[in-house]
Amino acid sequence: MTALLETPSAAQPPEERQPRRSWRPVLWTVPPVLVVLLIAVYPIMRVLSESTKTKSGRGAGTWSKVLAEESFRNALWRTVTIAVSSTIGCLLLGTFLAIVLAFVPFPGSQLVGRLIDSVLTVPSFLVTLAFTFLYGTAGAVNALITQITGDKEPVLNFLSTPWSVILAEITFFTPFVVRPLLAAFAQLPREQLDVASSLGASPWRVLRQVVMPEAWPALAAGGSLTLLLTLNEFGIVLFTGAKGVITLPALIYTRGIVAFDLPGAAVLASVQVLLSLGLYLGYRLLFARLTNARKEG
């Protein structure tokens, strides 16, 4: 009896059992963390480190010099202006195309949708070449206009201006708005549209009060992605704007590759990274707010 009383019970309550710690989940997280550190964190830290180099060692002298230059301010303003203008154009054109493809049946609508999607598969410089063949001084549109009017001088001559870059970016990035909107419209219950129409609501009212409230998260996602891509676009600016349009990516290329001023280019690249990260965080906050408002509603 005494031996039985002194022997600890083998059956302990579940709450007193100590679970064995497994290191397998930790091991599974190591590879992706290393990949992120290698392809994302390390380049950013290297650029930030390079931006602090000066002739006398390290410091903020390069930052003060670059940020005080007029070329930086002009490039920053032009980058933001082109990105915002292109995004607004993509939102307007993309929303119109998505509504037509989703709610206006017409022969060949699927083919048009596939053609819009195919733009995503081509490199951006092909759009600039198409613009040159169409709207260049010796392009097809100018040739047609001169043939009709008899003028010898080309009427259209805007390929080296910001307007050309904006139009090219709208052409190339509009599918990034169309595709999320089409996915959102596909999830919209058709019964809601039928009920609204049966109650006498006009098509514009159905679109404003039924369709678009459901599409705001998709529109915000497409617009934010488009703004981020246009903010960092380099190929279209290089091929279309040429030397007449200098944005931050173009200035980084000129400073780092042409002038071989690596610290100055690193400062510009750091500003570009901060703009992109700030835009991404703003998009996440906006998307979370729209999602929460949709759930509460």
Protein backbone atom coordinates (compact mmCIF):
# COMPACT_ATOMS: atom_id res chain seq x y z
CA MET A 1 0.00 0.00 0.00
CA THR A 2 2.78 2.41 0.94
CA ALA A 3 4.58 1.69 -2.33
CA LEU A 4 1.43 2.38 -4.30
CA LEU A 5 0.90 5.68 -2.52
CA GLU A 6 4.47 6.82 -3.16
CA THR A 7 4.41 5.88 -6.86
CA PRO A 8 3.39 8.88 -8.98
CA SER A 9 0.32 8.35 -11.04
CA ALA A 10 1.02 7.69 -14.72
CA ALA A 11 -2.25 9.28 -15.75
CA GLN A 12 -1.92 13.03 -15.36
CA PRO A 13 -4.59 15.57 -16.22
CA PRO A 14 -4.33 16.82 -19.81
CA GLU A 15 -3.58 20.38 -18.70
CA GLU A 16 -0.53 19.21 -16.74
CA ARG A 17 1.07 17.43 -19.68
CA GLN A 18 3.92 19.31 -21.36
CA PRO A 19 3.62 19.11 -25.16
CA ARG A 20 6.78 18.26 -27.02
CA ARG A 21 8.17 21.18 -28.93
CA SER A 22 8.55 20.51 -32.65
CA TRP A 23 11.18 22.34 -34.64
CA ARG A 24 9.76 21.25 -37.99
CA PRO A 25 7.62 24.40 -38.54
CA VAL A 26 10.65 26.55 -37.78
CA LEU A 27 12.77 24.64 -40.27
CA TRP A 28 10.11 25.08 -42.95
CA THR A 29 10.17 28.87 -42.50
CA VAL A 30 13.96 29.16 -42.88
CA PRO A 31 14.14 28.74 -46.72
CA PRO A 32 11.52 31.40 -47.60
CA VAL A 33 13.01 33.81 -45.07
CA LEU A 34 16.46 33.33 -46.61
CA VAL A 35 15.05 33.89 -50.09
CA VAL A 36 13.36 37.13 -49.01
CA LEU A 37 16.54 38.32 -47.32
CA LEU A 38 18.58 37.52 -50.41
CA ILE A 39 16.38 38.97 -53.15
CA ALA A 40 14.68 41.84 -51.31
CA VAL A 41 16.30 42.92 -48.06
CA TYR A 42 19.94 42.63 -49.10
CA PRO A 43 19.64 44.76 -52.30
CA ILE A 44 17.76 47.47 -50.41
CA MET A 45 20.29 47.52 -47.59
CA ARG A 46 23.13 47.57 -50.10
CA VAL A 47 21.62 50.54 -51.91
CA LEU A 48 21.08 52.38 -48.62
CA SER A 49 24.67 51.67 -47.62
CA GLU A 50 25.98 52.90 -50.98
CA SER A 51 23.98 56.13 -50.66
CA THR A 52 25.90 57.12 -47.51
CA LYS A 53 29.31 57.04 -49.21
CA THR A 54 31.12 60.34 -49.56
CA LYS A 55 34.61 61.35 -50.63
CA SER A 56 35.70 61.60 -47.00
CA GLY A 57 34.00 58.43 -45.76
CA ARG A 58 30.35 58.06 -44.84
CA GLY A 59 27.68 60.59 -44.03
CA ALA A 60 24.62 62.42 -45.31
CA GLY A 61 26.55 64.64 -47.70
CA THR A 62 25.49 62.75 -50.82
CA TRP A 63 21.85 62.88 -49.75
CA SER A 64 21.99 66.62 -49.15
CA LYS A 65 23.67 67.22 -52.49
CA VAL A 66 21.33 65.06 -54.58
CA LEU A 67 18.08 66.17 -52.91
CA ALA A 68 19.03 69.81 -53.40
CA GLU A 69 19.51 69.44 -57.15
CA GLU A 70 16.89 70.83 -59.50
CA SER A 71 17.14 67.76 -61.73
CA PHE A 72 15.98 65.57 -58.83
CA ARG A 73 12.98 67.78 -58.06
CA ASN A 74 11.97 67.93 -61.72
CA ALA A 75 12.33 64.15 -62.12
CA LEU A 76 10.35 63.49 -58.94
CA TRP A 77 7.53 65.81 -59.96
CA ARG A 78 7.44 64.37 -63.47
CA THR A 79 7.43 60.81 -62.16
CA VAL A 80 4.49 61.45 -59.83
CA THR A 81 2.59 63.46 -62.46
CA ILE A 82 2.97 60.80 -65.15
CA ALA A 83 2.13 57.96 -62.74
CA VAL A 84 -1.00 59.65 -61.37
CA SER A 85 -2.21 60.76 -64.81
CA SER A 86 -1.62 57.30 -66.28
CA THR A 87 -3.40 55.63 -63.36
CA ILE A 88 -6.44 57.89 -63.70
CA GLY A 89 -6.57 57.13 -67.41
CA CYS A 90 -6.25 53.39 -66.77
CA LEU A 91 -9.03 53.51 -64.16
CA LEU A 92 -11.43 55.36 -66.46
CA LEU A 93 -10.70 53.28 -69.55
CA GLY A 94 -10.42 50.00 -67.63
CA THR A 95 -13.72 50.53 -65.79
CA PHE A 96 -15.50 51.35 -69.04
CA LEU A 97 -14.08 48.29 -70.82
CA ALA A 98 -14.86 45.98 -67.88
CA ILE A 99 -18.48 47.17 -67.67
CA VAL A 100 -18.97 46.71 -71.40
CA LEU A 101 -17.39 43.26 -71.43
CA ALA A 102 -19.31 42.12 -68.35
CA PHE A 103 -22.79 43.56 -68.89
CA VAL A 104 -23.16 44.49 -72.57
CA PRO A 105 -23.34 41.31 -74.66
CA PHE A 106 -22.06 41.71 -78.21
CA PRO A 107 -20.55 39.35 -80.78
CA GLY A 108 -16.84 38.88 -80.23
CA SER A 109 -16.78 40.04 -76.60
CA GLN A 110 -14.67 37.05 -75.57
CA LEU A 111 -12.19 37.78 -78.35
CA VAL A 112 -11.90 41.40 -77.20
CA GLY A 113 -11.27 40.21 -73.65
CA ARG A 114 -8.53 37.86 -74.86
CA LEU A 115 -6.93 40.66 -76.86
CA ILE A 116 -6.90 42.90 -73.80
CA ASP A 117 -5.30 40.12 -71.76
CA SER A 118 -2.70 39.55 -74.48
CA VAL A 119 -1.28 43.02 -73.84
CA LEU A 120 0.07 41.66 -70.55
CA THR A 121 2.18 39.10 -72.40
CA VAL A 122 4.15 41.54 -74.55
CA PRO A 123 7.08 43.68 -73.38
CA SER A 124 6.35 47.34 -72.85
CA PHE A 125 8.77 48.55 -75.52
CA LEU A 126 6.56 46.96 -78.21
CA VAL A 127 3.86 49.47 -77.28
CA THR A 128 6.35 52.29 -77.78
CA LEU A 129 7.35 50.92 -81.18
CA ALA A 130 3.69 50.74 -82.17
CA PHE A 131 3.28 54.37 -81.07
CA THR A 132 6.25 55.32 -83.24
CA PHE A 133 4.81 53.57 -86.29
CA LEU A 134 1.39 55.15 -85.70
CA TYR A 135 2.02 58.63 -84.31
CA GLY A 136 5.62 59.38 -85.22
CA THR A 137 6.51 62.19 -87.60
CA ALA A 138 6.74 59.59 -90.38
CA GLY A 139 4.00 57.37 -88.92
CA ALA A 140 0.79 56.16 -90.48
CA VAL A 141 -1.47 58.75 -88.82
CA ASN A 142 0.68 61.70 -89.91
CA ALA A 143 0.94 60.26 -93.41
CA LEU A 144 -2.84 59.99 -93.61
CA ILE A 145 -3.37 63.52 -92.29
CA THR A 146 -0.84 65.04 -94.68
CA GLN A 147 -2.42 63.13 -97.55
CA ILE A 148 -5.85 64.53 -96.69
CA THR A 149 -4.82 68.11 -95.86
CA GLY A 150 -1.86 68.44 -98.21
CA ASP A 151 0.38 69.86 -95.46
CA LYS A 152 4.04 68.95 -95.70
CA GLU A 153 4.80 69.31 -92.00
CA PRO A 154 3.63 66.51 -89.66
CA VAL A 155 0.64 67.52 -87.56
CA LEU A 156 1.35 65.14 -84.65
CA ASN A 157 4.70 65.57 -82.96
CA PHE A 158 4.30 64.59 -79.31
CA LEU A 159 6.34 61.38 -78.93
CA SER A 160 9.08 63.14 -76.97
CA THR A 161 6.62 64.72 -74.51
CA PRO A 162 5.06 63.42 -71.29
CA TRP A 163 1.73 63.02 -73.11
CA SER A 164 3.22 60.26 -75.23
CA VAL A 165 4.44 58.42 -72.14
CA ILE A 166 1.05 58.78 -70.46
CA LEU A 167 -0.85 57.45 -73.49
CA ALA A 168 1.58 54.54 -73.88
CA GLU A 169 1.29 53.63 -70.19
CA ILE A 170 -2.51 53.81 -70.35
CA THR A 171 -2.43 51.45 -73.33
CA PHE A 172 -0.11 48.99 -71.62
CA PHE A 173 -1.41 49.01 -68.02
CA THR A 174 -5.18 49.22 -68.56
CA PRO A 175 -5.53 45.38 -68.45
CA PHE A 176 -4.31 45.49 -64.84
CA VAL A 177 -7.55 47.32 -64.05
CA VAL A 178 -9.82 45.36 -66.39
CA ARG A 179 -8.96 41.90 -65.09
CA PRO A 180 -9.70 42.50 -61.35
CA LEU A 181 -12.95 44.28 -62.23
CA LEU A 182 -14.10 41.41 -64.46
CA ALA A 183 -13.40 38.98 -61.62
CA ALA A 184 -15.42 41.15 -59.21
CA PHE A 185 -18.31 41.51 -61.66
CA ALA A 186 -18.37 37.73 -62.19
CA GLN A 187 -19.02 37.24 -58.45
CA LEU A 188 -21.88 39.72 -58.39
CA PRO A 189 -25.23 37.87 -57.98
CA ARG A 190 -27.36 38.45 -61.05
CA GLU A 191 -30.46 38.35 -58.86
CA GLN A 192 -29.53 41.74 -57.42
CA LEU A 193 -29.40 43.25 -60.88
CA ASP A 194 -32.71 41.66 -61.85
CA VAL A 195 -34.43 42.87 -58.67
CA ALA A 196 -33.08 46.41 -59.11
CA SER A 197 -34.22 46.49 -62.74
CA SER A 198 -37.66 45.10 -61.87
CA LEU A 199 -38.12 47.85 -59.29
CA GLY A 200 -37.68 50.45 -62.03
CA ALA A 201 -34.07 51.47 -61.43
CA SER A 202 -32.33 52.90 -64.46
CA PRO A 203 -29.13 51.25 -65.74
CA TRP A 204 -27.05 54.15 -64.44
CA ARG A 205 -28.60 53.82 -61.00
CA VAL A 206 -28.02 50.06 -60.97
CA LEU A 207 -24.44 50.65 -61.96
CA ARG A 208 -23.92 53.33 -59.31
CA GLN A 209 -25.75 51.75 -56.38
CA VAL A 210 -25.45 47.99 -57.01
CA VAL A 211 -22.50 47.21 -59.25
CA MET A 212 -19.80 49.69 -58.29
CA PRO A 213 -20.06 49.30 -54.47
CA GLU A 214 -19.19 45.63 -54.95
CA ALA A 215 -16.28 46.51 -57.23
CA TRP A 216 -14.52 49.11 -55.07
CA PRO A 217 -11.98 46.65 -53.57
CA ALA A 218 -11.08 45.32 -57.02
CA LEU A 219 -10.87 48.85 -58.39
CA ALA A 220 -8.61 49.89 -55.52
CA ALA A 221 -6.40 46.85 -56.08
CA GLY A 222 -6.09 47.47 -59.81
CA GLY A 223 -5.52 51.18 -59.38
CA SER A 224 -2.88 50.72 -56.69
CA LEU A 225 -1.03 48.12 -58.74
CA THR A 226 -1.16 50.36 -61.80
CA LEU A 227 0.12 53.34 -59.84
CA LEU A 228 2.97 51.26 -58.44
CA LEU A 229 3.94 49.95 -61.89
CA THR A 230 3.76 53.33 -63.60
CA LEU A 231 5.76 54.90 -60.80
CA ASN A 232 8.62 52.49 -61.53
CA GLU A 233 8.23 52.24 -65.30
CA PHE A 234 11.46 52.66 -67.26
CA GLY A 235 11.09 50.96 -70.65
CA ILE A 236 8.23 53.12 -71.92
CA VAL A 237 9.92 56.31 -70.71
CA LEU A 238 13.22 55.33 -72.33
CA PHE A 239 11.77 54.35 -75.71
CA THR A 240 8.95 56.87 -75.95
CA GLY A 241 10.00 59.95 -74.02
CA ALA A 242 13.68 59.60 -75.00
CA LYS A 243 15.67 62.55 -73.65
CA GLY A 244 12.66 64.84 -73.44
CA VAL A 245 11.10 63.06 -70.43
CA ILE A 246 13.32 62.39 -67.41
CA THR A 247 11.68 60.49 -64.56
CA LEU A 248 13.30 59.06 -61.44
CA PRO A 249 14.01 55.63 -63.02
CA ALA A 250 15.52 57.34 -66.07
CA LEU A 251 17.58 59.64 -63.85
CA ILE A 252 18.81 56.65 -61.83
CA TYR A 253 19.92 54.97 -65.05
CA THR A 254 21.66 58.10 -66.30
CA ARG A 255 23.38 58.77 -63.00
CA GLY A 256 24.44 55.21 -62.29
CA ILE A 257 25.21 53.76 -65.74
CA VAL A 258 26.09 56.76 -67.89
CA ALA A 259 27.75 59.07 -65.35
CA PHE A 260 28.85 56.16 -63.08
CA ASP A 261 27.88 58.14 -59.97
CA LEU A 262 26.89 55.14 -57.86
CA PRO A 263 26.33 57.00 -54.54
CA GLY A 264 24.11 59.57 -56.26
CA ALA A 265 22.19 56.85 -58.09
CA ALA A 266 21.80 54.99 -54.78
CA VAL A 267 20.23 58.07 -53.21
CA LEU A 268 17.73 58.33 -56.07
CA ALA A 269 17.02 54.60 -55.87
CA SER A 270 16.41 54.90 -52.12
CA VAL A 271 13.86 57.64 -52.76
CA GLN A 272 12.22 55.42 -55.38
CA VAL A 273 12.06 52.52 -52.91
CA LEU A 274 10.54 54.74 -50.22
CA LEU A 275 7.88 55.94 -52.66
CA SER A 276 7.03 52.37 -53.66
CA LEU A 277 6.88 51.11 -50.08
CA GLY A 278 4.76 54.07 -49.00
CA LEU A 279 2.38 53.44 -51.87
CA TYR A 280 2.16 49.76 -51.02
CA LEU A 281 1.38 50.46 -47.37
CA GLY A 282 -1.26 52.97 -48.41
CA TYR A 283 -2.82 50.39 -50.70
CA ARG A 284 -2.94 47.80 -47.92
CA LEU A 285 -4.63 50.25 -45.55
CA LEU A 286 -7.14 51.31 -48.21
CA PHE A 287 -7.89 47.72 -49.18
CA ALA A 288 -8.39 46.70 -45.54
CA ARG A 289 -10.74 49.63 -44.94
CA LEU A 290 -12.80 48.88 -48.04
CA THR A 291 -12.99 45.20 -47.15
CA ASN A 292 -14.10 45.94 -43.58
CA ALA A 293 -16.68 48.44 -44.77
CA ARG A 294 -18.02 45.86 -47.22
CA LYS A 295 -18.32 43.22 -44.49
CA GLU A 296 -20.03 45.62 -42.08
CA GLY A 297 -22.42 46.75 -44.79
